Amino acid sequence: MGKISTYSVLSTPKATDKLIGTDVTTNNETKNFTINSLFTVVVTLPVFANNVAALAGGLVIGRLYQTVTGEVRIVV
């Protein structure tokens, strides 16, 4: 396995892409997790069906929200 700094950079990551981390509850085992799961831990996003519903629900342009399937979107 090469140095992390030698890997190519993914310019537009998707919510389903994986990151590497350490699970401190299992003796510091190395695990992977999705970007989407990170959002769940760090930020609780409001849920809307689509952009129209998000605007009607009071979100402003630029705010993040998620669909019922967990897809993260930005109000436009």
PDB file of N, CA and C in Angstrom:
ATOM      1  N   MET A   1       0.851  -1.178   0.000  1.00  0.00           N
ATOM      2  CA  MET A   1       0.000   0.000   0.000  1.00  0.00           C
ATOM      3  C   MET A   1       0.894   1.236   0.000  1.00  0.00           C
ATOM      4  N   GLY A   2       0.609   2.182  -0.915  1.00  0.00           N
ATOM      5  CA  GLY A   2       1.400   3.399  -1.027  1.00  0.00           C
ATOM      6  C   GLY A   2       1.026   4.446   0.004  1.00  0.00           C
ATOM      7  N   LYS A   3       1.806   5.498   0.031  1.00  0.00           N
ATOM      8  CA  LYS A   3       1.502   6.618   0.913  1.00  0.00           C
ATOM      9  C   LYS A   3       0.212   7.287   0.452  1.00  0.00           C
ATOM     10  N   ILE A   4      -0.594   7.724   1.396  1.00  0.00           N
ATOM     11  CA  ILE A   4      -1.857   8.367   1.067  1.00  0.00           C
ATOM     12  C   ILE A   4      -1.640   9.583   0.171  1.00  0.00           C
ATOM     13  N   SER A   5      -0.573  10.308   0.387  1.00  0.00           N
ATOM     14  CA  SER A   5      -0.316  11.519  -0.403  1.00  0.00           C
ATOM     15  C   SER A   5      -0.067  11.223  -1.878  1.00  0.00           C
ATOM     16  N   THR A   6       0.180   9.950  -2.226  1.00  0.00           N
ATOM     17  CA  THR A   6       0.439   9.611  -3.624  1.00  0.00           C
ATOM     18  C   THR A   6      -0.825   9.223  -4.390  1.00  0.00           C
ATOM     19  N   TYR A   7      -1.938   9.060  -3.708  1.00  0.00           N
ATOM     20  CA  TYR A   7      -3.188   8.687  -4.367  1.00  0.00           C
ATOM     21  C   TYR A   7      -3.804   9.898  -5.057  1.00  0.00           C
ATOM     22  N   SER A   8      -4.535   9.636  -6.147  1.00  0.00           N
ATOM     23  CA  SER A   8      -5.196  10.734  -6.861  1.00  0.00           C
ATOM     24  C   SER A   8      -6.317  11.324  -6.002  1.00  0.00           C
ATOM     25  N   VAL A   9      -6.661  12.571  -6.291  1.00  0.00           N
ATOM     26  CA  VAL A   9      -7.702  13.287  -5.544  1.00  0.00           C
ATOM     27  C   VAL A   9      -9.021  13.161  -6.294  1.00  0.00           C
ATOM     28  N   LEU A  10     -10.072  12.808  -5.583  1.00  0.00           N
ATOM     29  CA  LEU A  10     -11.412  12.725  -6.145  1.00  0.00           C
ATOM     30  C   LEU A  10     -12.038  14.103  -6.029  1.00  0.00           C
ATOM     31  N   SER A  11     -12.213  14.784  -7.164  1.00  0.00           N
ATOM     32  CA  SER A  11     -12.644  16.187  -7.124  1.00  0.00           C
ATOM     33  C   SER A  11     -14.096  16.370  -6.717  1.00  0.00           C
ATOM     34  N   THR A  12     -14.961  15.407  -7.025  1.00  0.00           N
ATOM     35  CA  THR A  12     -16.373  15.531  -6.659  1.00  0.00           C
ATOM     36  C   THR A  12     -16.829  14.251  -5.965  1.00  0.00           C
ATOM     37  N   PRO A  13     -16.620  14.168  -4.661  1.00  0.00           N
ATOM     38  CA  PRO A  13     -17.023  12.946  -3.959  1.00  0.00           C
ATOM     39  C   PRO A  13     -18.542  12.822  -3.898  1.00  0.00           C
ATOM     40  N   LYS A  14     -19.018  11.578  -3.848  1.00  0.00           N
ATOM     41  CA  LYS A  14     -20.441  11.288  -3.710  1.00  0.00           C
ATOM     42  C   LYS A  14     -20.710  10.828  -2.280  1.00  0.00           C
ATOM     43  N   ALA A  15     -21.939  10.952  -1.848  1.00  0.00           N
ATOM     44  CA  ALA A  15     -22.319  10.553  -0.490  1.00  0.00           C
ATOM     45  C   ALA A  15     -22.046   9.078  -0.232  1.00  0.00           C
ATOM     46  N   THR A  16     -22.011   8.266  -1.288  1.00  0.00           N
ATOM     47  CA  THR A  16     -21.780   6.834  -1.125  1.00  0.00           C
ATOM     48  C   THR A  16     -20.300   6.457  -1.150  1.00  0.00           C
ATOM     49  N   ASP A  17     -19.416   7.428  -1.428  1.00  0.00           N
ATOM     50  CA  ASP A  17     -17.979   7.162  -1.390  1.00  0.00           C
ATOM     51  C   ASP A  17     -17.549   6.858   0.039  1.00  0.00           C
ATOM     52  N   LYS A  18     -16.464   6.114   0.171  1.00  0.00           N
ATOM     53  CA  LYS A  18     -16.016   5.684   1.494  1.00  0.00           C
ATOM     54  C   LYS A  18     -14.785   6.443   1.972  1.00  0.00           C
ATOM     55  N   LEU A  19     -14.718   6.613   3.274  1.00  0.00           N
ATOM     56  CA  LEU A  19     -13.577   7.205   3.971  1.00  0.00           C
ATOM     57  C   LEU A  19     -13.014   6.146   4.906  1.00  0.00           C
ATOM     58  N   ILE A  20     -11.790   6.348   5.338  1.00  0.00           N
ATOM     59  CA  ILE A  20     -11.157   5.414   6.261  1.00  0.00           C
ATOM     60  C   ILE A  20     -11.080   6.068   7.634  1.00  0.00           C
ATOM     61  N   GLY A  21     -11.251   5.280   8.675  1.00  0.00           N
ATOM     62  CA  GLY A  21     -11.197   5.833  10.020  1.00  0.00           C
ATOM     63  C   GLY A  21     -10.874   4.766  11.044  1.00  0.00           C
ATOM     64  N   THR A  22     -10.886   5.171  12.302  1.00  0.00           N
ATOM     65  CA  THR A  22     -10.576   4.281  13.408  1.00  0.00           C
ATOM     66  C   THR A  22     -11.797   4.125  14.296  1.00  0.00           C
ATOM     67  N   ASP A  23     -12.174   2.883  14.581  1.00  0.00           N
ATOM     68  CA  ASP A  23     -13.297   2.592  15.472  1.00  0.00           C
ATOM     69  C   ASP A  23     -12.747   2.388  16.878  1.00  0.00           C
ATOM     70  N   VAL A  24     -12.877   3.396  17.726  1.00  0.00           N
ATOM     71  CA  VAL A  24     -12.296   3.326  19.066  1.00  0.00           C
ATOM     72  C   VAL A  24     -13.045   2.361  19.982  1.00  0.00           C
ATOM     73  N   THR A  25     -14.263   1.960  19.576  1.00  0.00           N
ATOM     74  CA  THR A  25     -15.019   1.015  20.408  1.00  0.00           C
ATOM     75  C   THR A  25     -14.617  -0.431  20.161  1.00  0.00           C
ATOM     76  N   THR A  26     -13.816  -0.679  19.133  1.00  0.00           N
ATOM     77  CA  THR A  26     -13.372  -2.047  18.829  1.00  0.00           C
ATOM     78  C   THR A  26     -11.854  -2.121  18.790  1.00  0.00           C
ATOM     79  N   ASN A  27     -11.236  -1.657  19.856  1.00  0.00           N
ATOM     80  CA  ASN A  27      -9.778  -1.749  20.012  1.00  0.00           C
ATOM     81  C   ASN A  27      -9.028  -1.043  18.879  1.00  0.00           C
ATOM     82  N   ASN A  28      -9.560   0.127  18.461  1.00  0.00           N
ATOM     83  CA  ASN A  28      -8.942   0.969  17.438  1.00  0.00           C
ATOM     84  C   ASN A  28      -8.756   0.277  16.091  1.00  0.00           C
ATOM     85  N   GLU A  29      -9.709  -0.576  15.713  1.00  0.00           N
ATOM     86  CA  GLU A  29      -9.647  -1.219  14.397  1.00  0.00           C
ATOM     87  C   GLU A  29      -9.866  -0.182  13.305  1.00  0.00           C
ATOM     88  N   THR A  30      -9.189  -0.368  12.182  1.00  0.00           N
ATOM     89  CA  THR A  30      -9.396   0.485  11.021  1.00  0.00           C
ATOM     90  C   THR A  30     -10.675   0.035  10.328  1.00  0.00           C
ATOM     91  N   LYS A  31     -11.551   0.996  10.048  1.00  0.00           N
ATOM     92  CA  LYS A  31     -12.837   0.701   9.398  1.00  0.00           C
ATOM     93  C   LYS A  31     -13.043   1.711   8.287  1.00  0.00           C
ATOM     94  N   ASN A  32     -14.012   1.441   7.398  1.00  0.00           N
ATOM     95  CA  ASN A  32     -14.405   2.446   6.427  1.00  0.00           C
ATOM     96  C   ASN A  32     -15.864   2.800   6.656  1.00  0.00           C
ATOM     97  N   PHE A  33     -16.243   3.972   6.221  1.00  0.00           N
ATOM     98  CA  PHE A  33     -17.612   4.446   6.372  1.00  0.00           C
ATOM     99  C   PHE A  33     -17.909   5.392   5.224  1.00  0.00           C
ATOM    100  N   THR A  34     -19.177   5.604   4.945  1.00  0.00           N
ATOM    101  CA  THR A  34     -19.541   6.463   3.822  1.00  0.00           C
ATOM    102  C   THR A  34     -19.580   7.929   4.247  1.00  0.00           C
ATOM    103  N   ILE A  35     -19.426   8.793   3.284  1.00  0.00           N
ATOM    104  CA  ILE A  35     -19.548  10.231   3.544  1.00  0.00           C
ATOM    105  C   ILE A  35     -20.943  10.527   4.092  1.00  0.00           C
ATOM    106  N   ASN A  36     -21.939   9.852   3.535  1.00  0.00           N
ATOM    107  CA  ASN A  36     -23.314  10.052   3.992  1.00  0.00           C
ATOM    108  C   ASN A  36     -23.469   9.728   5.477  1.00  0.00           C
ATOM    109  N   SER A  37     -22.810   8.673   5.953  1.00  0.00           N
ATOM    110  CA  SER A  37     -22.919   8.325   7.365  1.00  0.00           C
ATOM    111  C   SER A  37     -22.258   9.380   8.245  1.00  0.00           C
ATOM    112  N   LEU A  38     -21.243  10.048   7.724  1.00  0.00           N
ATOM    113  CA  LEU A  38     -20.600  11.130   8.458  1.00  0.00           C
ATOM    114  C   LEU A  38     -21.576  12.289   8.669  1.00  0.00           C
ATOM    115  N   PHE A  39     -22.366  12.606   7.642  1.00  0.00           N
ATOM    116  CA  PHE A  39     -23.380  13.637   7.782  1.00  0.00           C
ATOM    117  C   PHE A  39     -24.353  13.294   8.899  1.00  0.00           C
ATOM    118  N   THR A  40     -24.722  12.030   9.002  1.00  0.00           N
ATOM    119  CA  THR A  40     -25.669  11.594  10.021  1.00  0.00           C
ATOM    120  C   THR A  40     -25.134  11.861  11.420  1.00  0.00           C
ATOM    121  N   VAL A  41     -23.840  11.674  11.611  1.00  0.00           N
ATOM    122  CA  VAL A  41     -23.228  11.884  12.921  1.00  0.00           C
ATOM    123  C   VAL A  41     -23.005  13.362  13.203  1.00  0.00           C
ATOM    124  N   VAL A  42     -22.523  14.105  12.228  1.00  0.00           N
ATOM    125  CA  VAL A  42     -22.120  15.491  12.436  1.00  0.00           C
ATOM    126  C   VAL A  42     -23.288  16.461  12.322  1.00  0.00           C
ATOM    127  N   VAL A  43     -24.146  16.249  11.359  1.00  0.00           N
ATOM    128  CA  VAL A  43     -25.212  17.200  11.071  1.00  0.00           C
ATOM    129  C   VAL A  43     -26.524  16.449  10.898  1.00  0.00           C
ATOM    130  N   THR A  44     -27.558  16.937  11.542  1.00  0.00           N
ATOM    131  CA  THR A  44     -28.883  16.397  11.292  1.00  0.00           C
ATOM    132  C   THR A  44     -29.537  17.293  10.255  1.00  0.00           C
ATOM    133  N   LEU A  45     -29.707  16.764   9.059  1.00  0.00           N
ATOM    134  CA  LEU A  45     -30.263  17.545   7.964  1.00  0.00           C
ATOM    135  C   LEU A  45     -31.775  17.386   7.909  1.00  0.00           C
ATOM    136  N   PRO A  46     -32.476  18.470   7.577  1.00  0.00           N
ATOM    137  CA  PRO A  46     -33.925  18.342   7.399  1.00  0.00           C
ATOM    138  C   PRO A  46     -34.222  17.479   6.177  1.00  0.00           C
ATOM    139  N   VAL A  47     -35.378  16.832   6.181  1.00  0.00           N
ATOM    140  CA  VAL A  47     -35.759  15.930   5.099  1.00  0.00           C
ATOM    141  C   VAL A  47     -36.862  16.566   4.262  1.00  0.00           C
ATOM    142  N   PHE A  48     -36.642  16.636   2.963  1.00  0.00           N
ATOM    143  CA  PHE A  48     -37.632  17.141   2.009  1.00  0.00           C
ATOM    144  C   PHE A  48     -37.601  16.262   0.771  1.00  0.00           C
ATOM    145  N   ALA A  49     -38.726  16.183   0.081  1.00  0.00           N
ATOM    146  CA  ALA A  49     -38.823  15.351  -1.115  1.00  0.00           C
ATOM    147  C   ALA A  49     -37.978  15.889  -2.258  1.00  0.00           C
ATOM    148  N   ASN A  50     -37.897  17.224  -2.375  1.00  0.00           N
ATOM    149  CA  ASN A  50     -37.181  17.832  -3.491  1.00  0.00           C
ATOM    150  C   ASN A  50     -36.924  19.306  -3.192  1.00  0.00           C
ATOM    151  N   ASN A  51     -36.341  20.004  -4.152  1.00  0.00           N
ATOM    152  CA  ASN A  51     -35.984  21.409  -3.977  1.00  0.00           C
ATOM    153  C   ASN A  51     -37.214  22.286  -3.721  1.00  0.00           C
ATOM    154  N   VAL A  52     -38.298  22.023  -4.453  1.00  0.00           N
ATOM    155  CA  VAL A  52     -39.530  22.813  -4.291  1.00  0.00           C
ATOM    156  C   VAL A  52     -40.058  22.668  -2.862  1.00  0.00           C
ATOM    157  N   ALA A  53     -40.066  21.444  -2.359  1.00  0.00           N
ATOM    158  CA  ALA A  53     -40.546  21.203  -1.001  1.00  0.00           C
ATOM    159  C   ALA A  53     -39.639  21.860   0.042  1.00  0.00           C
ATOM    160  N   ALA A  54     -38.331  21.845  -0.218  1.00  0.00           N
ATOM    161  CA  ALA A  54     -37.388  22.476   0.716  1.00  0.00           C
ATOM    162  C   ALA A  54     -37.616  23.982   0.788  1.00  0.00           C
ATOM    163  N   LEU A  55     -37.800  24.612  -0.370  1.00  0.00           N
ATOM    164  CA  LEU A  55     -38.088  26.054  -0.392  1.00  0.00           C
ATOM    165  C   LEU A  55     -39.403  26.358   0.310  1.00  0.00           C
ATOM    166  N   ALA A  56     -40.425  25.544   0.033  1.00  0.00           N
ATOM    167  CA  ALA A  56     -41.734  25.740   0.672  1.00  0.00           C
ATOM    168  C   ALA A  56     -41.649  25.524   2.181  1.00  0.00           C
ATOM    169  N   GLY A  57     -40.705  24.680   2.596  1.00  0.00           N
ATOM    170  CA  GLY A  57     -40.519  24.400   4.017  1.00  0.00           C
ATOM    171  C   GLY A  57     -39.682  25.437   4.740  1.00  0.00           C
ATOM    172  N   GLY A  58     -39.228  26.474   4.009  1.00  0.00           N
ATOM    173  CA  GLY A  58     -38.514  27.565   4.652  1.00  0.00           C
ATOM    174  C   GLY A  58     -37.000  27.549   4.504  1.00  0.00           C
ATOM    175  N   LEU A  59     -36.449  26.571   3.803  1.00  0.00           N
ATOM    176  CA  LEU A  59     -34.998  26.580   3.610  1.00  0.00           C
ATOM    177  C   LEU A  59     -34.622  27.644   2.584  1.00  0.00           C
ATOM    178  N   VAL A  60     -33.456  28.222   2.761  1.00  0.00           N
ATOM    179  CA  VAL A  60     -32.978  29.249   1.849  1.00  0.00           C
ATOM    180  C   VAL A  60     -31.974  28.639   0.875  1.00  0.00           C
ATOM    181  N   ILE A  61     -31.746  29.311  -0.236  1.00  0.00           N
ATOM    182  CA  ILE A  61     -30.793  28.853  -1.246  1.00  0.00           C
ATOM    183  C   ILE A  61     -29.415  28.660  -0.603  1.00  0.00           C
ATOM    184  N   GLY A  62     -28.804  27.528  -0.903  1.00  0.00           N
ATOM    185  CA  GLY A  62     -27.491  27.206  -0.350  1.00  0.00           C
ATOM    186  C   GLY A  62     -27.528  26.260   0.837  1.00  0.00           C
ATOM    187  N   ARG A  63     -28.697  26.091   1.468  1.00  0.00           N
ATOM    188  CA  ARG A  63     -28.812  25.180   2.617  1.00  0.00           C
ATOM    189  C   ARG A  63     -28.812  23.729   2.159  1.00  0.00           C
ATOM    190  N   LEU A  64     -28.273  22.864   2.987  1.00  0.00           N
ATOM    191  CA  LEU A  64     -28.293  21.431   2.712  1.00  0.00           C
ATOM    192  C   LEU A  64     -29.575  20.816   3.260  1.00  0.00           C
ATOM    193  N   TYR A  65     -30.067  19.808   2.561  1.00  0.00           N
ATOM    194  CA  TYR A  65     -31.165  18.987   3.053  1.00  0.00           C
ATOM    195  C   TYR A  65     -30.959  17.584   2.518  1.00  0.00           C
ATOM    196  N   GLN A  66     -31.762  16.639   3.004  1.00  0.00           N
ATOM    197  CA  GLN A  66     -31.670  15.287   2.478  1.00  0.00           C
ATOM    198  C   GLN A  66     -33.042  14.807   2.033  1.00  0.00           C
ATOM    199  N   THR A  67     -33.030  13.884   1.080  1.00  0.00           N
ATOM    200  CA  THR A  67     -34.279  13.278   0.629  1.00  0.00           C
ATOM    201  C   THR A  67     -34.608  12.117   1.559  1.00  0.00           C
ATOM    202  N   VAL A  68     -35.776  11.525   1.389  1.00  0.00           N
ATOM    203  CA  VAL A  68     -36.158  10.401   2.240  1.00  0.00           C
ATOM    204  C   VAL A  68     -35.240   9.195   2.056  1.00  0.00           C
ATOM    205  N   THR A  69     -34.538   9.137   0.931  1.00  0.00           N
ATOM    206  CA  THR A  69     -33.588   8.038   0.702  1.00  0.00           C
ATOM    207  C   THR A  69     -32.203   8.351   1.246  1.00  0.00           C
ATOM    208  N   GLY A  70     -32.023   9.561   1.823  1.00  0.00           N
ATOM    209  CA  GLY A  70     -30.746   9.934   2.418  1.00  0.00           C
ATOM    210  C   GLY A  70     -29.800  10.658   1.485  1.00  0.00           C
ATOM    211  N   GLU A  71     -30.246  10.972   0.270  1.00  0.00           N
ATOM    212  CA  GLU A  71     -29.405  11.712  -0.668  1.00  0.00           C
ATOM    213  C   GLU A  71     -29.276  13.156  -0.198  1.00  0.00           C
ATOM    214  N   VAL A  72     -28.055  13.648  -0.070  1.00  0.00           N
ATOM    215  CA  VAL A  72     -27.815  15.015   0.388  1.00  0.00           C
ATOM    216  C   VAL A  72     -27.868  15.956  -0.810  1.00  0.00           C
ATOM    217  N   ARG A  73     -28.649  17.036  -0.661  1.00  0.00           N
ATOM    218  CA  ARG A  73     -28.808  18.016  -1.747  1.00  0.00           C
ATOM    219  C   ARG A  73     -28.661  19.421  -1.199  1.00  0.00           C
ATOM    220  N   ILE A  74     -28.500  20.370  -2.126  1.00  0.00           N
ATOM    221  CA  ILE A  74     -28.394  21.787  -1.794  1.00  0.00           C
ATOM    222  C   ILE A  74     -29.575  22.516  -2.428  1.00  0.00           C
ATOM    223  N   VAL A  75     -30.197  23.389  -1.650  1.00  0.00           N
ATOM    224  CA  VAL A  75     -31.315  24.176  -2.179  1.00  0.00           C
ATOM    225  C   VAL A  75     -30.787  25.143  -3.221  1.00  0.00           C
ATOM    226  N   VAL A  76     -31.440  25.168  -4.385  1.00  0.00           N
ATOM    227  CA  VAL A  76     -31.056  26.090  -5.457  1.00  0.00           C
ATOM    228  C   VAL A  76     -32.233  26.964  -5.851  1.00  0.00           C
TER     229      VAL A  76
END
